Amino acid sequence: MKFFVYMGSFSCMSLYWFELENIEISLLLYFFSLLGFWGSLVYYNSYLNDITFPKQANSVSAKGYTMGYIGSVNYY
């Protein structure tokens, strides 16, 4: 799981130096950041069975997605 998290994080951070002349490298970094994100979600979702009972899995999953959306809101 760490591999996917670090791959996605470093690829996304390297996009800070994006320039239009290097579009191929930037697209490659974007691909690796997506691969890292989706690869780490496989592990995150597999932990649901370890932290909850089967009857509560749907509720816990919904609360997790809700908290993620609430946390992504930026107030200015």
Foldseek 3Di string as FASTA:
>chain_A
DVVLQVQLVVLVVVCVPDDPVPVVSNVVSVVSNVSSVVVVVVVVVVCLVVPDPPVCSVVVVVVVVVVVVVVVDDDD
